[in-house]
Amino acid sequence: MPDPLSRHVEEYIAHLERENASPHTVRNYRIDLNEFCDYFRPPGSTETVSPASIDSLAVREWLGHLYDEGLSPVTIRRKLAAVRSLFRRLHAAGVVSTNAAKLARTPKAPKTIPAVITPEQANGILDTAPQSAAERPFPERDIAILEVLYGCGVRVSELVGLGMDDVDWQDSWIRVRGKGKKERQTPVTERAMVALRSYVEKRRPAQGESALFVNHRGKRLTDASVRKIVKRYSGDLDLHPHSFRHAYATHLLSAGAGLRQIQELLGHARLSTTQKYTQVSLEDLMRVYDKSHPKA
């Protein structure tokens, strides 16, 4: 009897971990592929069907189920990408004769322009953080996190992935491991370096823990914890860590930085990903023009 789909999913997740895929990618693929397995689990059975029994029609029916569940096109695109990746590997290994997910139509994602906080709003959060942090258990750590997010434009996964040896304390650089384990060096603002030095003096890691940012147990801080910290200090703006990354890029562009330079700083593989920030900047420019120009 052929191995059930769930067993192949477990092997594929283990493969991703061996290939040093990011924890974020592994986590999402595990969730999405396990849900895919559950959809093809016969009623009353503990085993899923074999991959070879899933054809393109079955994949389209699964996609229809996702639409019926009210999931957004962006979420459906992500889930379909995970299934395509799994079947691509199964096809290469000879487990299936064709990639059943390859011909499925990819939902169109809406072209949205991210809302971006102003420099005044960003500085307002950072300037008032010390007062708010005074009542928190780890004020120096929280302030350092906010300063690095805005001052370096790193992803939340990159922030929590930082180690003590990733900081160049003399020349004010950090070594960032981005998507696909690609490394880049990012300059750190003077304010962020001051905050980092203040935090490191109070840092209390568990034995053998090399993470830069640690929790109350001295272990590496998680993505979810950072999101809670940002939400706590952003007040009515209700921001998330990526809000500071958007602001970082947009404010650099507005101040005259070139797209190629911003692309390098953000660690984008494609310039087209960086160009979306141009649209944000142009919209701000047009609003100022319409409001200020006497002939507008």
Foldseek 3Di string as FASTA:
>chain_A
DAAFQVVLLVVVLVVCVVLVAFPVLSVLLNVLSVVVQVVQCPPPDPTGHHPQVDALVNVVVVLVVCVVVVDALVSSLSSLVSLQVSLVVCCVVVSYVDSRSPPDDRDDHDDDQDDADAPVLLVVLLVCLQVVLVPPPQSLLLSLLSQCLQQQLEDLSQLLPFFPVQADLPQQWGWTQDGSRDIAITHHDPSSSVSLVVRVVVQDADPPAGTSRADPNRHGDDQVVQQVSCQVSSPPVRDGSNSSSLNNLLVCVLVPDDLVVNCRSHVPPDSVVSCSSVVVNVVVVVVCCVVPPPVD
